[in-house]
């Protein structure tokens, strides 16, 4: 049975997860913008390195981009 304390804890966890996801989105948007600028300046290798770093960041943040331990709701 869910208690108000359990509900509050779950809500806090969801809010924290959303904040982490939004922070990741902002970092990725900035990185993509920077990579686009590098491409426009003719620096394809720099842009590629930046995008590879972004992929590494995404891989390292799997707990943000995919649910980890939350059971499915019915």
PDB file of N, CA and C in Angstrom:
ATOM      1  N   UNK A   1       0.832  -1.177   0.000  1.00  0.00           N
ATOM      2  CA  UNK A   1       0.000   0.000   0.000  1.00  0.00           C
ATOM      3  C   UNK A   1       0.886   1.252   0.000  1.00  0.00           C
ATOM      4  N   UNK A   2       0.531   2.178  -0.845  1.00  0.00           N
ATOM      5  CA  UNK A   2       1.262   3.445  -0.945  1.00  0.00           C
ATOM      6  C   UNK A   2       0.892   4.339   0.234  1.00  0.00           C
ATOM      7  N   UNK A   3       1.887   4.956   0.828  1.00  0.00           N
ATOM      8  CA  UNK A   3       1.643   5.919   1.895  1.00  0.00           C
ATOM      9  C   UNK A   3       1.980   7.309   1.367  1.00  0.00           C
ATOM     10  N   UNK A   4       1.499   8.344   2.039  1.00  0.00           N
ATOM     11  CA  UNK A   4       1.852   9.700   1.596  1.00  0.00           C
ATOM     12  C   UNK A   4       3.374   9.902   1.544  1.00  0.00           C
ATOM     13  N   UNK A   5       4.094   9.294   2.488  1.00  0.00           N
ATOM     14  CA  UNK A   5       5.552   9.421   2.499  1.00  0.00           C
ATOM     15  C   UNK A   5       6.158   8.732   1.281  1.00  0.00           C
ATOM     16  N   UNK A   6       5.635   7.559   0.931  1.00  0.00           N
ATOM     17  CA  UNK A   6       6.112   6.842  -0.254  1.00  0.00           C
ATOM     18  C   UNK A   6       5.800   7.638  -1.512  1.00  0.00           C
ATOM     19  N   UNK A   7       4.603   8.192  -1.584  1.00  0.00           N
ATOM     20  CA  UNK A   7       4.218   9.013  -2.732  1.00  0.00           C
ATOM     21  C   UNK A   7       5.132  10.227  -2.864  1.00  0.00           C
ATOM     22  N   UNK A   8       5.417  10.884  -1.759  1.00  0.00           N
ATOM     23  CA  UNK A   8       6.278  12.065  -1.778  1.00  0.00           C
ATOM     24  C   UNK A   8       7.694  11.697  -2.218  1.00  0.00           C
ATOM     25  N   UNK A   9       8.198  10.563  -1.747  1.00  0.00           N
ATOM     26  CA  UNK A   9       9.540  10.117  -2.128  1.00  0.00           C
ATOM     27  C   UNK A   9       9.580   9.790  -3.626  1.00  0.00           C
ATOM     28  N   UNK A  10       8.568   9.096  -4.110  1.00  0.00           N
ATOM     29  CA  UNK A  10       8.520   8.760  -5.534  1.00  0.00           C
ATOM     30  C   UNK A  10       8.418  10.021  -6.380  1.00  0.00           C
ATOM     31  N   UNK A  11       7.618  10.985  -5.947  1.00  0.00           N
ATOM     32  CA  UNK A  11       7.495  12.247  -6.670  1.00  0.00           C
ATOM     33  C   UNK A  11       8.832  12.975  -6.708  1.00  0.00           C
ATOM     34  N   UNK A  12       9.535  13.002  -5.591  1.00  0.00           N
ATOM     35  CA  UNK A  12      10.849  13.654  -5.537  1.00  0.00           C
ATOM     36  C   UNK A  12      11.840  12.965  -6.476  1.00  0.00           C
ATOM     37  N   UNK A  13      11.794  11.640  -6.536  1.00  0.00           N
ATOM     38  CA  UNK A  13      12.672  10.893  -7.445  1.00  0.00           C
ATOM     39  C   UNK A  13      12.346  11.222  -8.900  1.00  0.00           C
ATOM     40  N   UNK A  14      11.063  11.315  -9.221  1.00  0.00           N
ATOM     41  CA  UNK A  14      10.655  11.641 -10.586  1.00  0.00           C
ATOM     42  C   UNK A  14      11.075  13.061 -10.968  1.00  0.00           C
ATOM     43  N   UNK A  15      10.929  13.990 -10.049  1.00  0.00           N
ATOM     44  CA  UNK A  15      11.337  15.370 -10.304  1.00  0.00           C
ATOM     45  C   UNK A  15      12.842  15.431 -10.533  1.00  0.00           C
ATOM     46  N   UNK A  16      13.614  14.730  -9.708  1.00  0.00           N
ATOM     47  CA  UNK A  16      15.073  14.718  -9.867  1.00  0.00           C
ATOM     48  C   UNK A  16      15.463  14.094 -11.201  1.00  0.00           C
ATOM     49  N   UNK A  17      14.780  13.016 -11.598  1.00  0.00           N
ATOM     50  CA  UNK A  17      15.063  12.371 -12.883  1.00  0.00           C
ATOM     51  C   UNK A  17      14.755  13.321 -14.037  1.00  0.00           C
ATOM     52  N   UNK A  18      13.648  14.029 -13.941  1.00  0.00           N
ATOM     53  CA  UNK A  18      13.284  14.992 -14.979  1.00  0.00           C
ATOM     54  C   UNK A  18      14.318  16.109 -15.063  1.00  0.00           C
ATOM     55  N   UNK A  19      14.779  16.591 -13.926  1.00  0.00           N
ATOM     56  CA  UNK A  19      15.795  17.649 -13.921  1.00  0.00           C
ATOM     57  C   UNK A  19      17.098  17.169 -14.559  1.00  0.00           C
ATOM     58  N   UNK A  20      17.495  15.925 -14.269  1.00  0.00           N
ATOM     59  CA  UNK A  20      18.715  15.369 -14.891  1.00  0.00           C
ATOM     60  C   UNK A  20      18.535  15.235 -16.399  1.00  0.00           C
ATOM     61  N   UNK A  21      17.365  14.790 -16.822  1.00  0.00           N
ATOM     62  CA  UNK A  21      17.108  14.643 -18.254  1.00  0.00           C
ATOM     63  C   UNK A  21      17.118  16.007 -18.955  1.00  0.00           C
ATOM     64  N   UNK A  22      16.535  17.012 -18.314  1.00  0.00           N
ATOM     65  CA  UNK A  22      16.525  18.352 -18.905  1.00  0.00           C
ATOM     66  C   UNK A  22      17.937  18.928 -18.984  1.00  0.00           C
ATOM     67  N   UNK A  23      18.752  18.674 -17.974  1.00  0.00           N
ATOM     68  CA  UNK A  23      20.141  19.148 -17.996  1.00  0.00           C
ATOM     69  C   UNK A  23      20.918  18.467 -19.112  1.00  0.00           C
ATOM     70  N   UNK A  24      20.697  17.173 -19.295  1.00  0.00           N
ATOM     71  CA  UNK A  24      21.355  16.451 -20.383  1.00  0.00           C
ATOM     72  C   UNK A  24      20.911  17.016 -21.728  1.00  0.00           C
ATOM     73  N   UNK A  25      19.619  17.268 -21.887  1.00  0.00           N
ATOM     74  CA  UNK A  25      19.109  17.840 -23.133  1.00  0.00           C
ATOM     75  C   UNK A  25      19.786  19.180 -23.432  1.00  0.00           C
ATOM     76  N   UNK A  26      19.903  20.030 -22.421  1.00  0.00           N
ATOM     77  CA  UNK A  26      20.537  21.335 -22.617  1.00  0.00           C
ATOM     78  C   UNK A  26      21.998  21.191 -23.030  1.00  0.00           C
ATOM     79  N   UNK A  27      22.730  20.289 -22.359  1.00  0.00           N
ATOM     80  CA  UNK A  27      24.145  20.064 -22.721  1.00  0.00           C
ATOM     81  C   UNK A  27      24.260  19.573 -24.159  1.00  0.00           C
ATOM     82  N   UNK A  28      23.391  18.649 -24.547  1.00  0.00           N
ATOM     83  CA  UNK A  28      23.444  18.111 -25.910  1.00  0.00           C
ATOM     84  C   UNK A  28      23.076  19.167 -26.947  1.00  0.00           C
ATOM     85  N   UNK A  29      22.077  19.979 -26.653  1.00  0.00           N
ATOM     86  CA  UNK A  29      21.709  21.058 -27.582  1.00  0.00           C
ATOM     87  C   UNK A  29      22.874  22.020 -27.786  1.00  0.00           C
ATOM     88  N   UNK A  30      23.556  22.371 -26.693  1.00  0.00           N
ATOM     89  CA  UNK A  30      24.695  23.282 -26.805  1.00  0.00           C
ATOM     90  C   UNK A  30      25.830  22.634 -27.595  1.00  0.00           C
ATOM     91  N   UNK A  31      26.078  21.365 -27.333  1.00  0.00           N
ATOM     92  CA  UNK A  31      27.139  20.674 -28.049  1.00  0.00           C
ATOM     93  C   UNK A  31      26.830  20.583 -29.545  1.00  0.00           C
ATOM     94  N   UNK A  32      25.589  20.309 -29.892  1.00  0.00           N
ATOM     95  CA  UNK A  32      25.196  20.235 -31.299  1.00  0.00           C
ATOM     96  C   UNK A  32      25.359  21.598 -31.962  1.00  0.00           C
ATOM     97  N   UNK A  33      24.968  22.645 -31.264  1.00  0.00           N
ATOM     98  CA  UNK A  33      25.138  23.996 -31.793  1.00  0.00           C
ATOM     99  C   UNK A  33      26.617  24.307 -32.022  1.00  0.00           C
ATOM    100  N   UNK A  34      27.456  23.945 -31.048  1.00  0.00           N
ATOM    101  CA  UNK A  34      28.899  24.172 -31.184  1.00  0.00           C
ATOM    102  C   UNK A  34      29.475  23.359 -32.348  1.00  0.00           C
ATOM    103  N   UNK A  35      29.029  22.122 -32.501  1.00  0.00           N
ATOM    104  CA  UNK A  35      29.514  21.284 -33.604  1.00  0.00           C
ATOM    105  C   UNK A  35      29.084  21.871 -34.944  1.00  0.00           C
ATOM    106  N   UNK A  36      27.861  22.374 -35.017  1.00  0.00           N
ATOM    107  CA  UNK A  36      27.380  23.011 -36.246  1.00  0.00           C
ATOM    108  C   UNK A  36      28.247  24.223 -36.592  1.00  0.00           C
ATOM    109  N   UNK A  37      28.606  25.006 -35.582  1.00  0.00           N
ATOM    110  CA  UNK A  37      29.477  26.154 -35.804  1.00  0.00           C
ATOM    111  C   UNK A  37      30.847  25.718 -36.330  1.00  0.00           C
ATOM    112  N   UNK A  38      31.357  24.639 -35.784  1.00  0.00           N
ATOM    113  CA  UNK A  38      32.650  24.127 -36.248  1.00  0.00           C
ATOM    114  C   UNK A  38      32.559  23.657 -37.705  1.00  0.00           C
ATOM    115  N   UNK A  39      31.459  23.014 -38.050  1.00  0.00           N
ATOM    116  CA  UNK A  39      31.264  22.588 -39.443  1.00  0.00           C
ATOM    117  C   UNK A  39      31.194  23.799 -40.365  1.00  0.00           C
ATOM    118  N   UNK A  40      30.473  24.825 -39.948  1.00  0.00           N
ATOM    119  CA  UNK A  40      30.354  26.037 -40.762  1.00  0.00           C
ATOM    120  C   UNK A  40      31.708  26.716 -40.948  1.00  0.00           C
ATOM    121  N   UNK A  41      32.584  26.560 -39.966  1.00  0.00           N
ATOM    122  CA  UNK A  41      33.921  27.148 -40.049  1.00  0.00           C
ATOM    123  C   UNK A  41      34.886  26.249 -40.814  1.00  0.00           C
ATOM    124  N   UNK A  42      34.403  25.101 -41.290  1.00  0.00           N
ATOM    125  CA  UNK A  42      35.244  24.199 -42.065  1.00  0.00           C
ATOM    126  C   UNK A  42      36.073  23.242 -41.229  1.00  0.00           C
ATOM    127  N   UNK A  43      35.734  23.107 -39.965  1.00  0.00           N
ATOM    128  CA  UNK A  43      36.488  22.238 -39.061  1.00  0.00           C
ATOM    129  C   UNK A  43      35.733  20.926 -38.827  1.00  0.00           C
ATOM    130  N   UNK A  44      35.642  20.116 -39.869  1.00  0.00           N
ATOM    131  CA  UNK A  44      34.864  18.879 -39.778  1.00  0.00           C
ATOM    132  C   UNK A  44      35.438  17.931 -38.731  1.00  0.00           C
ATOM    133  N   UNK A  45      36.749  17.842 -38.612  1.00  0.00           N
ATOM    134  CA  UNK A  45      37.336  16.905 -37.649  1.00  0.00           C
ATOM    135  C   UNK A  45      37.042  17.337 -36.211  1.00  0.00           C
ATOM    136  N   UNK A  46      37.036  18.639 -35.967  1.00  0.00           N
ATOM    137  CA  UNK A  46      36.696  19.137 -34.626  1.00  0.00           C
ATOM    138  C   UNK A  46      35.233  18.825 -34.330  1.00  0.00           C
ATOM    139  N   UNK A  47      34.359  19.067 -35.301  1.00  0.00           N
ATOM    140  CA  UNK A  47      32.933  18.784 -35.123  1.00  0.00           C
ATOM    141  C   UNK A  47      32.714  17.298 -34.859  1.00  0.00           C
ATOM    142  N   UNK A  48      33.408  16.445 -35.592  1.00  0.00           N
ATOM    143  CA  UNK A  48      33.272  15.002 -35.401  1.00  0.00           C
ATOM    144  C   UNK A  48      33.721  14.605 -34.001  1.00  0.00           C
ATOM    145  N   UNK A  49      34.814  15.174 -33.535  1.00  0.00           N
ATOM    146  CA  UNK A  49      35.288  14.879 -32.180  1.00  0.00           C
ATOM    147  C   UNK A  49      34.256  15.311 -31.144  1.00  0.00           C
ATOM    148  N   UNK A  50      33.656  16.466 -31.356  1.00  0.00           N
ATOM    149  CA  UNK A  50      32.643  16.961 -30.431  1.00  0.00           C
ATOM    150  C   UNK A  50      31.432  16.029 -30.406  1.00  0.00           C
ATOM    151  N   UNK A  51      31.017  15.570 -31.578  1.00  0.00           N
ATOM    152  CA  UNK A  51      29.859  14.685 -31.645  1.00  0.00           C
ATOM    153  C   UNK A  51      30.182  13.316 -31.048  1.00  0.00           C
ATOM    154  N   UNK A  52      31.403  12.838 -31.218  1.00  0.00           N
ATOM    155  CA  UNK A  52      31.807  11.584 -30.574  1.00  0.00           C
ATOM    156  C   UNK A  52      31.782  11.740 -29.057  1.00  0.00           C
ATOM    157  N   UNK A  53      32.204  12.891 -28.560  1.00  0.00           N
ATOM    158  CA  UNK A  53      32.139  13.158 -27.122  1.00  0.00           C
ATOM    159  C   UNK A  53      30.690  13.162 -26.652  1.00  0.00           C
ATOM    160  N   UNK A  54      29.798  13.707 -27.472  1.00  0.00           N
ATOM    161  CA  UNK A  54      28.374  13.719 -27.119  1.00  0.00           C
ATOM    162  C   UNK A  54      27.837  12.299 -27.020  1.00  0.00           C
ATOM    163  N   UNK A  55      28.227  11.446 -27.947  1.00  0.00           N
ATOM    164  CA  UNK A  55      27.789  10.047 -27.889  1.00  0.00           C
ATOM    165  C   UNK A  55      28.298   9.376 -26.620  1.00  0.00           C
ATOM    166  N   UNK A  56      29.519   9.675 -26.238  1.00  0.00           N
ATOM    167  CA  UNK A  56      30.059   9.119 -24.993  1.00  0.00           C
ATOM    168  C   UNK A  56      29.252   9.609 -23.795  1.00  0.00           C
ATOM    169  N   UNK A  57      28.884  10.888 -23.810  1.00  0.00           N
ATOM    170  CA  UNK A  57      28.066  11.436 -22.728  1.00  0.00           C
ATOM    171  C   UNK A  57      26.718  10.741 -22.655  1.00  0.00           C
ATOM    172  N   UNK A  58      26.123  10.499 -23.811  1.00  0.00           N
ATOM    173  CA  UNK A  58      24.822   9.815 -23.849  1.00  0.00           C
ATOM    174  C   UNK A  58      24.957   8.412 -23.283  1.00  0.00           C
ATOM    175  N   UNK A  59      26.003   7.696 -23.699  1.00  0.00           N
ATOM    176  CA  UNK A  59      26.217   6.341 -23.187  1.00  0.00           C
ATOM    177  C   UNK A  59      26.436   6.332 -21.678  1.00  0.00           C
ATOM    178  N   UNK A  60      27.136   7.344 -21.180  1.00  0.00           N
ATOM    179  CA  UNK A  60      27.410   7.414 -19.745  1.00  0.00           C
ATOM    180  C   UNK A  60      26.176   7.803 -18.943  1.00  0.00           C
ATOM    181  N   UNK A  61      25.172   8.356 -19.593  1.00  0.00           N
ATOM    182  CA  UNK A  61      23.982   8.839 -18.903  1.00  0.00           C
ATOM    183  C   UNK A  61      22.785   7.930 -19.117  1.00  0.00           C
ATOM    184  N   UNK A  62      23.016   6.632 -19.236  1.00  0.00           N
ATOM    185  CA  UNK A  62      21.897   5.729 -19.525  1.00  0.00           C
ATOM    186  C   UNK A  62      20.835   5.765 -18.447  1.00  0.00           C
ATOM    187  N   UNK A  63      21.218   6.064 -17.195  1.00  0.00           N
ATOM    188  CA  UNK A  63      20.210   6.137 -16.147  1.00  0.00           C
ATOM    189  C   UNK A  63      19.298   7.342 -16.321  1.00  0.00           C
ATOM    190  N   UNK A  64      19.735   8.312 -17.109  1.00  0.00           N
ATOM    191  CA  UNK A  64      18.907   9.480 -17.389  1.00  0.00           C
ATOM    192  C   UNK A  64      18.008   9.226 -18.580  1.00  0.00           C
ATOM    193  N   UNK A  65      18.546   8.582 -19.607  1.00  0.00           N
ATOM    194  CA  UNK A  65      17.778   8.439 -20.837  1.00  0.00           C
ATOM    195  C   UNK A  65      16.925   7.189 -20.875  1.00  0.00           C
ATOM    196  N   UNK A  66      17.134   6.258 -19.962  1.00  0.00           N
ATOM    197  CA  UNK A  66      16.285   5.074 -19.890  1.00  0.00           C
ATOM    198  C   UNK A  66      15.927   4.825 -18.440  1.00  0.00           C
ATOM    199  N   UNK A  67      14.689   4.471 -18.160  1.00  0.00           N
ATOM    200  CA  UNK A  67      14.327   4.173 -16.777  1.00  0.00           C
ATOM    201  C   UNK A  67      15.149   3.009 -16.271  1.00  0.00           C
ATOM    202  N   UNK A  68      15.606   3.094 -15.026  1.00  0.00           N
ATOM    203  CA  UNK A  68      16.471   2.049 -14.518  1.00  0.00           C
ATOM    204  C   UNK A  68      15.773   1.082 -13.576  1.00  0.00           C
ATOM    205  N   UNK A  69      15.174   1.566 -12.528  1.00  0.00           N
ATOM    206  CA  UNK A  69      14.671   0.641 -11.528  1.00  0.00           C
ATOM    207  C   UNK A  69      13.195   0.819 -11.200  1.00  0.00           C
ATOM    208  N   UNK A  70      12.514   1.635 -11.953  1.00  0.00           N
ATOM    209  CA  UNK A  70      11.116   1.884 -11.656  1.00  0.00           C
ATOM    210  C   UNK A  70      10.258   0.804 -12.280  1.00  0.00           C
ATOM    211  N   UNK A  71       9.411   0.129 -11.494  1.00  0.00           N
ATOM    212  CA  UNK A  71       8.521  -0.880 -12.066  1.00  0.00           C
ATOM    213  C   UNK A  71       7.476  -0.235 -12.961  1.00  0.00           C
ATOM    214  N   UNK A  72       7.022  -0.981 -13.936  1.00  0.00           N
ATOM    215  CA  UNK A  72       6.022  -0.476 -14.863  1.00  0.00           C
ATOM    216  C   UNK A  72       4.703  -0.267 -14.141  1.00  0.00           C
ATOM    217  N   UNK A  73       4.030   0.822 -14.480  1.00  0.00           N
ATOM    218  CA  UNK A  73       2.717   1.098 -13.891  1.00  0.00           C
ATOM    219  C   UNK A  73       1.671   0.257 -14.566  1.00  0.00           C
ATOM    220  N   UNK A  74       0.655  -0.103 -13.807  1.00  0.00           N
ATOM    221  CA  UNK A  74      -0.445  -0.883 -14.400  1.00  0.00           C
ATOM    222  C   UNK A  74      -1.698  -0.078 -14.508  1.00  0.00           C
TER     223      UNK A  74
END
